Amino acid sequence: MLQTTESQKSYRHKCFVCGDDVSTEHHWEMPEMVICFDCKKKNDNAMKKEKTVNTCRYCKADIKTNSLDNRYFCNDGCEVADTKRVEANHIAAMAKIEEIHLELSIAKVIPKKYRDGNYTFDFNLDSVYDKSLFITGPAGVGKTTLMASLAKKYIGNDVDVKWLSFASFIIHLQRGFKLVDGDPYTAAAEAAEFKGMLMIDDLGAEKTTEYVRQTIYYILNEREQNCLPIIITSNLTLNELSIKADSRAASRIAGMCKQVKLTGKDRRIK
């Protein structure tokens, strides 16, 4: 008796196009993969008729593609396409490096609380960009967040920024008097002579002494005389600052800065 080996077995299926019987050597689990010879030939002829001429989007060579083929490049070895891919990868890598560099630069300047937030305001930041500003308003209305948003724009445009939380800055200066090798004047001079954008946060929150008055006036006067930019935030108005600190300092601010007054409820209190 003739025995049939496993390789000689055949299976009967239905062509998923015309329904005719089809004998194959495989037991297909997906019926839609079964097609008879005639239907396959008709399909191949139809595909050939649909061939159209396109242009390789990289090297501009003419290529024939099927209407359903959206590759539009001549082949996987297209040298121009490979060059474009390398250039694209390089650009993406450089963009990532610039992003990391920007994040590090921001971290060096802006207090942690204000680094990552994307804040919105009732006006376009560009309208106050590249200007010296005196940002005033009650506590919690967004003065420091506005200054932080501007700081990010300046840093992103490769402008040097120095950020001073003024009460902490004064304490730092006063410590210099108590140290044997302390120097309470150098840091004030560095702030006054800083060539980039100097940002002073919360001016007027510090305890007012004659030394504080002199320091404020010195910094403001130096920057006005040398046409150096400054952004200041304060809970005080210019009139209040004139009374608490120094009328000459308030006058310097009025002459140098565009005043931005913020209003609203304290966002810190919910």
Protein backbone atom coordinates (compact mmCIF):
# COMPACT_ATOMS: atom_id res chain seq x y z
CA MET A 1 0.00 0.00 0.00
CA LEU A 2 1.40 3.35 -1.07
CA GLN A 3 1.96 5.60 1.97
CA THR A 4 1.56 9.36 1.72
CA THR A 5 4.29 11.35 3.45
CA GLU A 6 3.56 14.56 5.40
CA SER A 7 5.04 16.69 2.57
CA GLN A 8 2.63 15.15 0.02
CA LYS A 9 -0.51 16.06 1.92
CA SER A 10 -2.80 18.63 0.34
CA TYR A 11 -5.58 20.73 1.82
CA ARG A 12 -8.73 21.98 0.15
CA HIS A 13 -9.73 25.62 0.60
CA LYS A 14 -11.92 28.23 -1.09
CA CYS A 15 -10.43 31.18 -3.01
CA PHE A 16 -11.40 34.22 -0.98
CA VAL A 17 -11.98 36.19 -4.26
CA CYS A 18 -14.04 33.87 -6.52
CA GLY A 19 -14.92 31.01 -4.17
CA ASP A 20 -13.48 28.24 -6.37
CA ASP A 21 -11.79 25.27 -4.73
CA VAL A 22 -8.06 25.65 -4.18
CA SER A 23 -5.70 22.82 -3.25
CA THR A 24 -2.62 23.82 -1.27
CA GLU A 25 0.13 22.15 0.71
CA HIS A 26 -0.59 24.36 3.71
CA HIS A 27 -3.38 24.48 6.21
CA TRP A 28 -4.00 28.24 6.27
CA GLU A 29 -5.41 29.59 9.50
CA MET A 30 -6.44 32.81 7.72
CA PRO A 31 -8.81 32.09 4.78
CA GLU A 32 -8.23 35.56 3.31
CA MET A 33 -4.70 34.45 2.41
CA VAL A 34 -5.99 31.82 -0.01
CA ILE A 35 -6.29 32.91 -3.64
CA CYS A 36 -6.53 30.84 -6.80
CA PHE A 37 -4.08 31.13 -9.69
CA ASP A 38 -6.50 32.94 -12.03
CA CYS A 39 -7.46 35.53 -9.42
CA LYS A 40 -3.82 36.10 -8.51
CA LYS A 41 -2.95 36.64 -12.17
CA LYS A 42 -5.81 39.12 -12.63
CA ASN A 43 -4.72 40.97 -9.51
CA ASP A 44 -1.08 41.15 -10.67
CA ASN A 45 -2.15 42.51 -14.08
CA ALA A 46 -4.33 45.11 -12.42
CA MET A 47 -1.45 46.17 -10.17
CA LYS A 48 0.83 46.57 -13.20
CA LYS A 49 -1.70 48.83 -14.90
CA GLU A 50 -1.83 51.01 -11.80
CA LYS A 51 1.90 51.70 -11.88
CA THR A 52 2.58 55.44 -12.07
CA VAL A 53 5.68 57.60 -12.33
CA ASN A 54 6.65 59.59 -9.25
CA THR A 55 9.77 61.43 -8.18
CA CYS A 56 12.08 60.33 -5.40
CA ARG A 57 11.62 63.01 -2.76
CA TYR A 58 15.33 62.84 -1.96
CA CYS A 59 17.40 62.46 -5.14
CA LYS A 60 14.58 63.50 -7.58
CA ALA A 61 15.00 60.40 -9.74
CA ASP A 62 11.92 59.13 -11.60
CA ILE A 63 10.47 56.01 -10.00
CA LYS A 64 7.52 53.78 -10.86
CA THR A 65 5.31 53.01 -7.93
CA ASN A 66 1.97 51.43 -7.39
CA SER A 67 -0.87 53.85 -6.64
CA LEU A 68 -1.08 52.34 -3.16
CA ASP A 69 2.65 52.75 -2.53
CA ASN A 70 3.39 55.94 -0.61
CA ARG A 71 7.14 55.51 -0.21
CA TYR A 72 8.20 57.99 -2.88
CA PHE A 73 11.89 57.23 -2.60
CA CYS A 74 13.81 55.28 -5.22
CA ASN A 75 15.19 52.50 -3.02
CA ASP A 76 16.36 51.73 0.49
CA GLY A 77 19.93 52.49 -0.57
CA CYS A 78 19.28 55.99 -1.89
CA GLU A 79 22.48 57.87 -0.98
CA VAL A 80 20.75 61.23 -0.82
CA ALA A 81 18.08 59.80 1.48
CA ASP A 82 20.79 58.34 3.72
CA THR A 83 22.51 61.75 3.87
CA LYS A 84 19.21 63.42 4.72
CA ARG A 85 18.60 60.90 7.50
CA VAL A 86 22.06 61.59 8.96
CA GLU A 87 21.45 65.34 8.77
CA ALA A 88 18.04 64.96 10.41
CA ASN A 89 19.51 62.86 13.22
CA HIS A 90 22.29 65.42 13.71
CA ILE A 91 19.81 68.30 13.86
CA ALA A 92 17.66 66.40 16.36
CA ALA A 93 20.72 65.64 18.51
CA MET A 94 21.86 69.29 18.44
CA ALA A 95 18.34 70.43 19.37
CA LYS A 96 18.39 68.06 22.34
CA ILE A 97 21.79 69.40 23.43
CA GLU A 98 20.51 72.99 23.18
CA GLU A 99 17.42 72.03 25.19
CA ILE A 100 19.58 70.52 27.95
CA HIS A 101 21.90 73.55 27.90
CA LEU A 102 18.89 75.88 28.25
CA GLU A 103 17.53 73.87 31.17
CA LEU A 104 20.91 74.02 32.92
CA SER A 105 21.22 77.75 32.31
CA ILE A 106 17.73 78.35 33.69
CA ALA A 107 18.51 76.21 36.75
CA LYS A 108 21.56 78.36 37.52
CA VAL A 109 19.58 81.61 37.49
CA ILE A 110 15.92 81.14 38.38
CA PRO A 111 14.74 79.83 41.78
CA LYS A 112 13.49 76.25 41.60
CA LYS A 113 9.85 77.17 42.22
CA TYR A 114 9.66 79.22 39.01
CA ARG A 115 11.76 77.12 36.61
CA ASP A 116 9.25 74.73 35.11
CA GLY A 117 5.97 76.62 35.08
CA ASN A 118 4.48 77.97 31.84
CA TYR A 119 2.56 81.02 32.92
CA THR A 120 0.02 83.10 31.01
CA PHE A 121 -0.69 86.79 31.40
CA ASP A 122 -3.26 89.30 30.18
CA PHE A 123 -0.71 90.80 27.81
CA ASN A 124 1.95 89.64 25.36
CA LEU A 125 5.37 89.22 26.96
CA ASP A 126 6.93 90.70 23.83
CA SER A 127 5.33 94.05 24.71
CA VAL A 128 7.55 94.31 27.81
CA TYR A 129 10.56 92.41 26.49
CA ASP A 130 13.84 94.28 26.08
CA LYS A 131 12.73 96.97 28.52
CA SER A 132 13.65 97.91 32.08
CA LEU A 133 10.58 97.26 34.25
CA PHE A 134 9.21 98.05 37.67
CA ILE A 135 6.59 95.36 38.36
CA THR A 136 4.37 96.31 41.27
CA GLY A 137 1.25 94.92 42.92
CA PRO A 138 0.00 93.20 46.08
CA ALA A 139 1.33 89.84 47.26
CA GLY A 140 0.56 86.75 45.18
CA VAL A 141 -0.62 88.41 41.95
CA GLY A 142 2.22 86.98 39.81
CA LYS A 143 5.02 89.57 39.87
CA THR A 144 7.81 87.02 40.34
CA THR A 145 6.28 84.58 37.83
CA LEU A 146 6.21 87.39 35.28
CA MET A 147 9.86 88.15 35.93
CA ALA A 148 10.72 84.43 35.72
CA SER A 149 8.94 84.13 32.37
CA LEU A 150 10.94 87.07 31.05
CA ALA A 151 14.14 85.56 32.45
CA LYS A 152 13.50 82.39 30.45
CA LYS A 153 13.05 84.42 27.27
CA TYR A 154 16.27 86.33 27.88
CA ILE A 155 18.24 83.16 28.66
CA GLY A 156 16.78 81.47 25.59
CA ASN A 157 18.04 84.41 23.52
CA ASP A 158 21.55 84.08 25.02
CA VAL A 159 21.23 87.17 27.22
CA ASP A 160 23.06 86.96 30.55
CA VAL A 161 20.72 87.23 33.54
CA LYS A 162 21.51 87.84 37.22
CA TRP A 163 18.66 87.15 39.67
CA LEU A 164 18.71 88.71 43.16
CA SER A 165 16.16 87.94 45.85
CA PHE A 166 16.83 91.26 47.48
CA ALA A 167 16.25 90.42 51.16
CA SER A 168 18.62 87.43 50.86
CA PHE A 169 21.10 89.57 48.94
CA ILE A 170 21.20 92.16 51.74
CA ILE A 171 21.73 89.46 54.37
CA HIS A 172 24.59 88.08 52.27
CA LEU A 173 26.19 91.53 52.13
CA GLN A 174 25.80 92.11 55.86
CA ARG A 175 27.51 88.81 56.65
CA GLY A 176 30.60 90.27 55.05
CA PHE A 177 31.00 92.67 57.95
CA LYS A 178 31.14 89.80 60.44
CA LEU A 179 33.72 87.68 58.67
CA VAL A 180 37.42 88.30 59.12
CA ASP A 181 38.03 88.11 55.38
CA GLY A 182 34.53 89.23 54.46
CA ASP A 183 33.86 91.76 51.72
CA PRO A 184 30.37 93.33 51.79
CA TYR A 185 31.05 95.57 48.82
CA THR A 186 32.20 93.30 46.00
CA ALA A 187 28.81 91.56 45.51
CA ALA A 188 27.03 94.94 45.41
CA ALA A 189 29.53 96.22 42.83
CA GLU A 190 29.07 93.07 40.72
CA ALA A 191 25.31 93.59 40.70
CA ALA A 192 25.62 97.29 39.91
CA GLU A 193 28.07 96.71 37.04
CA PHE A 194 26.53 93.50 35.63
CA LYS A 195 26.35 93.89 31.84
CA GLY A 196 23.33 91.67 31.25
CA MET A 197 19.78 91.88 32.61
CA LEU A 198 19.76 92.40 36.38
CA MET A 199 16.58 91.13 38.04
CA ILE A 200 15.77 92.21 41.62
CA ASP A 201 12.91 90.36 43.27
CA ASP A 202 10.86 91.80 46.14
CA LEU A 203 12.57 95.14 46.60
CA GLY A 204 11.32 96.76 49.81
CA ALA A 205 10.74 93.52 51.71
CA GLU A 206 14.07 93.87 53.51
CA LYS A 207 14.54 95.72 56.80
CA THR A 208 15.42 99.30 55.98
CA THR A 209 18.68 100.62 57.40
CA GLU A 210 21.04 103.33 56.24
CA TYR A 211 23.28 100.66 54.77
CA VAL A 212 20.34 99.16 52.82
CA ARG A 213 19.36 102.62 51.53
CA GLN A 214 22.89 103.27 50.35
CA THR A 215 23.13 99.87 48.67
CA ILE A 216 19.83 100.29 46.80
CA TYR A 217 20.75 103.77 45.63
CA TYR A 218 24.26 102.69 44.61
CA ILE A 219 23.01 99.82 42.44
CA LEU A 220 20.21 101.84 40.81
CA ASN A 221 22.37 104.91 40.22
CA GLU A 222 25.18 102.88 38.61
CA ARG A 223 22.79 101.14 36.25
CA GLU A 224 21.05 104.36 35.28
CA GLN A 225 24.32 106.18 34.67
CA ASN A 226 25.65 103.34 32.50
CA CYS A 227 22.33 102.64 30.70
CA LEU A 228 22.21 99.05 31.98
CA PRO A 229 18.86 97.21 32.04
CA ILE A 230 17.03 96.17 35.18
CA ILE A 231 13.77 94.48 36.17
CA ILE A 232 12.42 95.00 39.69
CA THR A 233 9.45 93.47 41.49
CA SER A 234 7.98 95.03 44.62
CA ASN A 235 4.83 94.99 46.74
CA LEU A 236 5.35 98.73 47.15
CA THR A 237 4.40 101.51 44.80
CA LEU A 238 7.03 104.05 43.83
CA ASN A 239 5.57 106.52 46.33
CA GLU A 240 5.72 103.92 49.12
CA LEU A 241 9.26 102.94 48.11
CA SER A 242 10.26 106.59 48.17
CA ILE A 243 9.10 106.87 51.79
CA LYS A 244 10.51 103.55 53.00
CA ALA A 245 13.82 103.51 51.16
CA ASP A 246 15.00 106.63 49.39
CA SER A 247 13.33 109.24 47.22
CA ARG A 248 16.43 109.33 45.01
CA ALA A 249 16.18 105.55 44.45
CA ALA A 250 12.49 105.84 43.56
CA SER A 251 13.34 108.64 41.15
CA ARG A 252 15.97 106.49 39.44
CA ILE A 253 13.45 103.66 39.01
CA ALA A 254 10.85 106.03 37.56
CA GLY A 255 13.39 107.34 35.07
CA MET A 256 14.71 103.95 33.99
CA CYS A 257 11.70 101.64 34.10
CA LYS A 258 8.37 101.09 32.48
CA GLN A 259 5.86 100.48 35.29
CA VAL A 260 3.75 97.31 35.14
CA LYS A 261 1.00 97.09 37.75
CA LEU A 262 -0.52 93.67 38.42
CA THR A 263 -3.82 93.25 40.25
CA GLY A 264 -6.01 90.40 41.46
CA LYS A 265 -6.32 87.98 44.33
CA ASP A 266 -3.45 86.30 46.13
CA ARG A 267 -2.89 83.09 44.15
CA ARG A 268 -1.10 81.49 47.07
CA ILE A 269 -4.26 81.57 49.18
CA LYS A 270 -6.88 79.03 48.07
